[in-house]
Amino acid sequence: MDAVTRDPSTGRLNPLPPHPALQPWETRYEVDEMLEFMNSLNYVPWLAVVAYVASIYALETSMKRRPAFSLRKAMAAWNAFLALFSLFATLRMGVSFFYNVQHFGFSHCTCATGRAKEDPTAYLWTMIFSFSKILEFGDTYFILLRKQKLIFLHWYHHASVLLFTWFNTARAEEAGGWFCLMNAAVHTLMYSYYFLRAMRVSVPRELMMLITISQIAQMVMGIMLCGYVSVTKMRGLPCNMSNLILTCAILMYLSYFVLFVDFFRKTYRKSAQKRRKSSFLDGKEEIPREKNEIHVVGKLSVNGISRRKSATYSEFIQG
């Protein structure tokens, strides 16, 4: 294995990680100027979250008096763009992290001060990824414009991820880079699935379940990373992650884990039981009708009261 060194004047690795198809603009910026740029805009995520929450209430109220929009073509384009973006971000950050682990070990990649300067390209994509968390608010507006149910997990996840990702990136705290990498990888799968749904491609339910499991696995790995950093700091060893960011990460990942496990239980276990008892299995099979129960496509009418069938997290976006 060829020796990899760190330039004492710039902090860059020599040779740099082998990023495929690297473009000139991806090597143009120094990490210090990117950090200065990020920190000059630290008010942006707070304003974005306040505007996001306020717009949810305003749009939800407005849509009560309007018919639902279809927006299927727009959703297909939207999800295709975010899937491709997440894929590129995963590749750029992933190549850098695993190259670093290969040559310096997991501890260096997770805790070493100044690791961001070792590969400015990876940090640039981490910064772009932080900005993309604002763009992903668009998922919520598709839900509201299509008059679908907006659950707490959805908007809480969007708002909190933006705040955490932004401030972790602005402080260049190394363990947080793993969080961005995991999130980008899961989003590549998730938005690809949403794209297929928007294109009316039949996707097995098992794939949808696998995506939710990957989201839960992401939370478990996030908690494990927080545990690694905590143990390292308690042993008196250096680790470039402040107690504030570490505490926020622990609380964030624990809350996500609880919410996603609860969502999984409600979506895949309870909905399966309901389908066996009263739903229609996509209109392909006849279900014995009980007294005073009339089944119609997409809805269930019991004693004259119309109820929508249960929907999954992805169906809140894709319908």
Protein backbone atom coordinates (compact mmCIF):
# COMPACT_ATOMS: atom_id res chain seq x y z
CA MET A 1 0.00 0.00 0.00
CA ASP A 2 1.41 3.39 -1.03
CA ALA A 3 2.15 5.79 1.82
CA VAL A 4 -0.29 8.66 2.22
CA THR A 5 0.99 11.81 3.89
CA ARG A 6 -0.53 15.06 5.05
CA ASP A 7 0.84 18.36 3.71
CA PRO A 8 1.90 20.36 6.80
CA SER A 9 1.12 23.72 5.14
CA THR A 10 -2.33 23.01 3.70
CA GLY A 11 -3.44 19.92 5.65
CA ARG A 12 -4.32 18.14 2.40
CA LEU A 13 -3.61 14.46 1.87
CA ASN A 14 -1.00 13.48 -0.67
CA PRO A 15 -2.17 11.79 -2.78
CA LEU A 16 -5.76 12.91 -2.48
CA PRO A 17 -8.62 10.37 -2.44
CA PRO A 18 -9.33 8.96 -5.94
CA HIS A 19 -12.61 10.72 -6.68
CA PRO A 20 -13.98 9.52 -10.04
CA ALA A 21 -14.80 12.08 -12.77
CA LEU A 22 -13.67 15.01 -10.63
CA GLN A 23 -14.64 18.41 -12.06
CA PRO A 24 -12.52 21.60 -11.82
CA TRP A 25 -15.11 23.44 -9.69
CA GLU A 26 -14.90 20.66 -7.08
CA THR A 27 -11.26 21.49 -6.34
CA ARG A 28 -11.50 25.27 -6.51
CA TYR A 29 -12.17 26.12 -2.86
CA GLU A 30 -10.12 25.85 0.31
CA VAL A 31 -11.78 24.48 3.43
CA ASP A 32 -11.05 27.65 5.43
CA GLU A 33 -12.98 29.86 3.00
CA MET A 34 -15.87 27.37 2.92
CA LEU A 35 -15.97 27.36 6.72
CA GLU A 36 -16.00 31.14 6.77
CA PHE A 37 -18.84 31.17 4.24
CA MET A 38 -20.92 28.65 6.22
CA ASN A 39 -20.46 30.49 9.51
CA SER A 40 -21.39 33.83 7.94
CA LEU A 41 -24.81 32.32 7.17
CA ASN A 42 -25.59 30.69 10.53
CA TYR A 43 -28.89 32.58 10.69
CA VAL A 44 -30.14 30.89 7.51
CA PRO A 45 -31.19 27.49 8.99
CA TRP A 46 -33.09 29.17 11.85
CA LEU A 47 -34.98 31.44 9.44
CA ALA A 48 -35.60 28.49 7.12
CA VAL A 49 -37.08 26.35 9.91
CA VAL A 50 -39.33 29.17 11.18
CA ALA A 51 -40.54 29.86 7.64
CA TYR A 52 -40.99 26.12 7.04
CA VAL A 53 -43.19 25.55 10.10
CA ALA A 54 -45.23 28.70 9.42
CA SER A 55 -45.73 27.75 5.76
CA ILE A 56 -46.95 24.29 6.75
CA TYR A 57 -49.76 25.84 8.79
CA ALA A 58 -50.56 28.41 6.08
CA LEU A 59 -50.62 25.93 3.21
CA GLU A 60 -52.57 23.33 5.18
CA THR A 61 -55.21 25.95 5.99
CA SER A 62 -55.33 27.19 2.39
CA MET A 63 -55.73 23.68 0.94
CA LYS A 64 -58.83 23.02 3.03
CA ARG A 65 -60.77 25.17 0.54
CA ARG A 66 -59.10 23.80 -2.58
CA PRO A 67 -59.08 20.49 -4.46
CA ALA A 68 -55.96 18.34 -4.28
CA PHE A 69 -53.33 18.66 -6.99
CA SER A 70 -51.95 15.60 -8.77
CA LEU A 71 -48.37 16.84 -9.44
CA ARG A 72 -47.23 13.36 -10.48
CA LYS A 73 -44.88 14.55 -13.25
CA ALA A 74 -43.43 17.23 -10.99
CA MET A 75 -42.87 14.64 -8.26
CA ALA A 76 -41.12 12.31 -10.69
CA ALA A 77 -38.70 15.05 -11.74
CA TRP A 78 -38.21 16.19 -8.14
CA ASN A 79 -37.43 12.74 -6.82
CA ALA A 80 -35.16 11.89 -9.77
CA PHE A 81 -33.12 15.03 -9.09
CA LEU A 82 -32.81 14.34 -5.34
CA ALA A 83 -31.94 10.67 -5.95
CA LEU A 84 -29.12 11.62 -8.34
CA PHE A 85 -27.89 14.39 -6.05
CA SER A 86 -27.86 12.02 -3.05
CA LEU A 87 -25.97 9.44 -5.10
CA PHE A 88 -23.25 11.93 -6.09
CA ALA A 89 -22.96 13.20 -2.50
CA THR A 90 -22.68 9.60 -1.25
CA LEU A 91 -19.91 8.82 -3.75
CA ARG A 92 -17.88 11.96 -2.98
CA MET A 93 -18.14 11.66 0.81
CA GLY A 94 -17.88 7.86 0.77
CA VAL A 95 -14.67 7.74 -1.28
CA SER A 96 -13.07 10.25 1.10
CA PHE A 97 -14.12 8.50 4.30
CA PHE A 98 -13.17 5.00 3.29
CA TYR A 99 -9.86 6.17 1.80
CA ASN A 100 -9.13 7.84 5.13
CA VAL A 101 -10.12 4.76 7.13
CA GLN A 102 -7.97 2.57 4.89
CA HIS A 103 -4.83 4.65 5.47
CA PHE A 104 -5.30 6.14 8.94
CA GLY A 105 -7.96 4.08 10.70
CA PHE A 106 -11.48 4.65 11.97
CA SER A 107 -10.44 6.69 15.01
CA HIS A 108 -8.56 9.25 12.90
CA CYS A 109 -11.44 9.53 10.44
CA THR A 110 -13.94 10.05 13.27
CA CYS A 111 -12.04 12.18 15.78
CA ALA A 112 -8.95 13.81 14.26
CA THR A 113 -8.92 17.61 14.34
CA GLY A 114 -8.56 19.15 10.88
CA ARG A 115 -9.61 16.08 8.94
CA ALA A 116 -11.93 18.23 6.81
CA LYS A 117 -8.86 19.96 5.33
CA GLU A 118 -7.46 16.64 4.18
CA ASP A 119 -9.97 16.47 1.33
CA PRO A 120 -11.59 19.80 0.34
CA THR A 121 -13.74 18.07 -2.29
CA ALA A 122 -15.46 15.92 0.32
CA TYR A 123 -16.01 18.94 2.57
CA LEU A 124 -17.47 20.90 -0.36
CA TRP A 125 -20.03 18.16 -0.92
CA THR A 126 -20.76 18.02 2.81
CA MET A 127 -21.47 21.75 2.69
CA ILE A 128 -23.68 21.40 -0.41
CA PHE A 129 -25.46 18.53 1.32
CA SER A 130 -26.19 20.82 4.28
CA PHE A 131 -27.79 23.37 1.96
CA SER A 132 -29.84 20.60 0.32
CA LYS A 133 -31.66 20.02 3.61
CA ILE A 134 -33.50 23.30 2.92
CA LEU A 135 -34.38 22.10 -0.57
CA GLU A 136 -35.84 18.88 0.85
CA PHE A 137 -38.57 20.90 2.54
CA GLY A 138 -40.21 20.60 -0.85
CA ASP A 139 -41.22 17.03 0.08
CA THR A 140 -43.62 18.49 2.63
CA TYR A 141 -45.22 20.88 0.15
CA PHE A 142 -45.99 17.99 -2.21
CA ILE A 143 -47.79 16.26 0.65
CA LEU A 144 -49.82 19.35 1.51
CA LEU A 145 -50.67 20.27 -2.10
CA ARG A 146 -51.92 16.73 -2.65
CA LYS A 147 -53.97 16.95 0.59
CA GLN A 148 -52.31 13.92 2.17
CA LYS A 149 -51.74 13.35 5.84
CA LEU A 150 -48.66 15.06 7.28
CA ILE A 151 -47.26 13.16 10.24
CA PHE A 152 -45.09 14.60 13.03
CA LEU A 153 -42.14 12.37 12.12
CA HIS A 154 -41.96 13.92 8.64
CA TRP A 155 -41.71 17.61 9.46
CA TYR A 156 -39.77 17.11 12.71
CA HIS A 157 -37.19 15.05 10.84
CA HIS A 158 -36.78 17.67 8.10
CA ALA A 159 -36.45 20.61 10.49
CA SER A 160 -34.07 18.98 12.99
CA VAL A 161 -31.81 17.43 10.33
CA LEU A 162 -31.28 20.84 8.74
CA LEU A 163 -30.29 22.47 12.03
CA PHE A 164 -27.97 19.67 13.11
CA THR A 165 -26.34 19.13 9.71
CA TRP A 166 -25.74 22.84 9.17
CA PHE A 167 -24.10 23.59 12.52
CA ASN A 168 -22.08 20.38 12.56
CA THR A 169 -20.73 21.19 9.09
CA ALA A 170 -20.06 24.83 10.02
CA ARG A 171 -17.93 23.62 12.95
CA ALA A 172 -16.23 20.88 10.85
CA GLU A 173 -16.68 18.31 13.60
CA GLU A 174 -15.48 15.06 12.15
CA ALA A 175 -17.95 12.45 13.44
CA GLY A 176 -20.78 14.43 11.91
CA GLY A 177 -19.39 13.63 8.48
CA TRP A 178 -20.38 10.00 9.03
CA PHE A 179 -23.93 11.17 9.78
CA CYS A 180 -24.06 13.05 6.46
CA LEU A 181 -22.71 10.03 4.57
CA MET A 182 -25.28 7.67 6.07
CA ASN A 183 -28.11 10.11 5.41
CA ALA A 184 -27.07 10.62 1.78
CA ALA A 185 -26.84 6.86 1.18
CA VAL A 186 -30.30 6.18 2.62
CA HIS A 187 -31.76 9.11 0.67
CA THR A 188 -30.37 7.66 -2.56
CA LEU A 189 -32.51 4.58 -2.00
CA MET A 190 -35.49 6.51 -0.68
CA TYR A 191 -35.77 9.06 -3.48
CA SER A 192 -35.15 6.39 -6.11
CA TYR A 193 -38.12 4.51 -4.69
CA TYR A 194 -40.24 7.67 -4.68
CA PHE A 195 -39.29 8.28 -8.32
CA LEU A 196 -40.43 4.80 -9.33
CA ARG A 197 -43.72 5.29 -7.47
CA ALA A 198 -44.28 8.64 -9.16
CA MET A 199 -43.70 6.93 -12.53
CA ARG A 200 -46.37 4.36 -11.59
CA VAL A 201 -43.85 1.53 -11.53
CA SER A 202 -45.05 -1.38 -9.43
CA VAL A 203 -42.60 -1.76 -6.53
CA PRO A 204 -42.74 -4.70 -4.10
CA ARG A 205 -43.89 -3.84 -0.61
CA GLU A 206 -40.78 -5.60 0.69
CA LEU A 207 -38.59 -2.91 -0.89
CA MET A 208 -40.55 -0.20 0.89
CA MET A 209 -40.10 -2.11 4.15
CA LEU A 210 -36.36 -2.47 3.43
CA ILE A 211 -36.03 1.31 3.07
CA THR A 212 -37.70 1.88 6.44
CA ILE A 213 -35.39 -0.74 7.99
CA SER A 214 -32.38 1.06 6.46
CA GLN A 215 -33.60 4.29 8.08
CA ILE A 216 -33.82 2.56 11.46
CA ALA A 217 -30.34 1.04 10.89
CA GLN A 218 -29.05 4.56 10.20
CA MET A 219 -30.34 5.67 13.61
CA VAL A 220 -28.73 2.67 15.32
CA MET A 221 -25.37 3.40 13.67
CA GLY A 222 -25.72 7.07 14.61
CA ILE A 223 -26.25 6.12 18.26
CA MET A 224 -23.26 3.76 18.09
CA LEU A 225 -21.06 6.54 16.67
CA CYS A 226 -22.18 8.85 19.47
CA GLY A 227 -21.28 6.09 21.93
CA TYR A 228 -17.82 5.73 20.37
CA VAL A 229 -17.18 9.47 20.61
CA SER A 230 -18.48 9.56 24.21
CA VAL A 231 -16.23 6.70 25.33
CA THR A 232 -13.23 8.26 23.55
CA LYS A 233 -13.77 11.58 25.33
CA MET A 234 -14.37 9.90 28.72
CA ARG A 235 -11.04 8.10 28.36
CA GLY A 236 -9.40 11.50 28.05
CA LEU A 237 -8.47 11.02 24.40
CA PRO A 238 -8.92 13.85 21.88
CA CYS A 239 -11.99 13.80 19.67
CA ASN A 240 -13.08 16.76 17.56
CA MET A 241 -16.74 16.82 18.58
CA SER A 242 -17.98 19.35 21.12
CA ASN A 243 -20.16 18.26 24.03
CA LEU A 244 -22.97 20.46 22.67
CA ILE A 245 -23.03 18.81 19.25
CA LEU A 246 -22.57 15.36 20.80
CA THR A 247 -25.51 15.89 23.17
CA CYS A 248 -27.69 17.15 20.31
CA ALA A 249 -26.70 14.14 18.20
CA ILE A 250 -27.58 11.67 20.97
CA LEU A 251 -30.98 13.25 21.61
CA MET A 252 -31.69 13.54 17.89
CA TYR A 253 -30.83 9.94 17.05
CA LEU A 254 -32.66 8.53 20.06
CA SER A 255 -35.81 10.47 19.11
CA TYR A 256 -35.53 9.33 15.48
CA PHE A 257 -35.06 5.73 16.56
CA VAL A 258 -38.18 5.79 18.73
CA LEU A 259 -40.27 7.53 16.05
CA PHE A 260 -39.14 5.32 13.17
CA VAL A 261 -39.62 2.10 15.14
CA ASP A 262 -43.10 3.27 16.14
CA PHE A 263 -43.80 4.14 12.50
CA PHE A 264 -42.58 0.72 11.36
CA ARG A 265 -44.81 -1.00 13.91
CA LYS A 266 -47.88 0.99 12.92
CA THR A 267 -47.28 0.76 9.18
CA TYR A 268 -46.18 -2.83 8.59
CA ARG A 269 -47.62 -4.75 11.51
CA LYS A 270 -50.92 -3.05 12.25
CA SER A 271 -51.74 -2.30 8.61
CA ALA A 272 -51.16 -5.98 7.75
CA GLN A 273 -53.62 -6.99 10.44
CA LYS A 274 -56.16 -4.44 9.19
CA ARG A 275 -55.82 -5.66 5.61
CA ARG A 276 -56.50 -9.22 6.67
CA LYS A 277 -59.64 -8.11 8.47
CA SER A 278 -61.18 -5.38 6.38
CA SER A 279 -59.10 -4.00 3.49
CA PHE A 280 -59.21 -4.92 -0.16
CA LEU A 281 -55.63 -5.93 -1.15
CA ASP A 282 -55.36 -3.48 -4.08
CA GLY A 283 -58.59 -4.71 -5.63
CA LYS A 284 -57.08 -8.06 -6.74
CA GLU A 285 -58.91 -10.28 -4.28
CA GLU A 286 -62.40 -10.34 -2.90
CA ILE A 287 -62.65 -9.96 0.86
CA PRO A 288 -65.69 -11.48 2.58
CA ARG A 289 -67.91 -8.57 3.54
CA GLU A 290 -69.23 -8.38 7.04
CA LYS A 291 -72.60 -6.99 7.94
CA ASN A 292 -73.03 -3.25 7.28
CA GLU A 293 -69.58 -3.09 5.62
CA ILE A 294 -69.12 -1.96 2.00
CA HIS A 295 -65.68 -2.05 0.36
CA VAL A 296 -64.72 0.43 -2.33
CA VAL A 297 -61.39 1.04 -4.06
CA GLY A 298 -59.14 3.08 -1.79
CA LYS A 299 -61.72 3.53 0.97
CA LEU A 300 -63.64 1.52 3.51
CA SER A 301 -67.19 2.45 4.44
CA VAL A 302 -68.36 1.05 7.75
CA ASN A 303 -71.91 1.78 8.88
CA GLY A 304 -72.05 4.63 6.40
CA ILE A 305 -68.83 6.28 7.64
CA SER A 306 -66.12 6.60 4.99
CA ARG A 307 -62.56 5.93 6.10
CA ARG A 308 -59.35 6.06 4.10
CA LYS A 309 -57.13 3.01 4.12
CA SER A 310 -53.89 3.31 6.13
CA ALA A 311 -50.96 4.78 4.21
CA THR A 312 -47.24 4.24 4.52
CA TYR A 313 -44.65 6.96 5.03
CA SER A 314 -43.68 6.87 1.36
CA GLU A 315 -47.33 7.02 0.32
CA PHE A 316 -47.68 10.30 2.22
CA ILE A 317 -45.36 11.68 -0.45
CA GLN A 318 -46.15 9.57 -3.48
CA GLY A 319 -49.82 8.80 -3.00
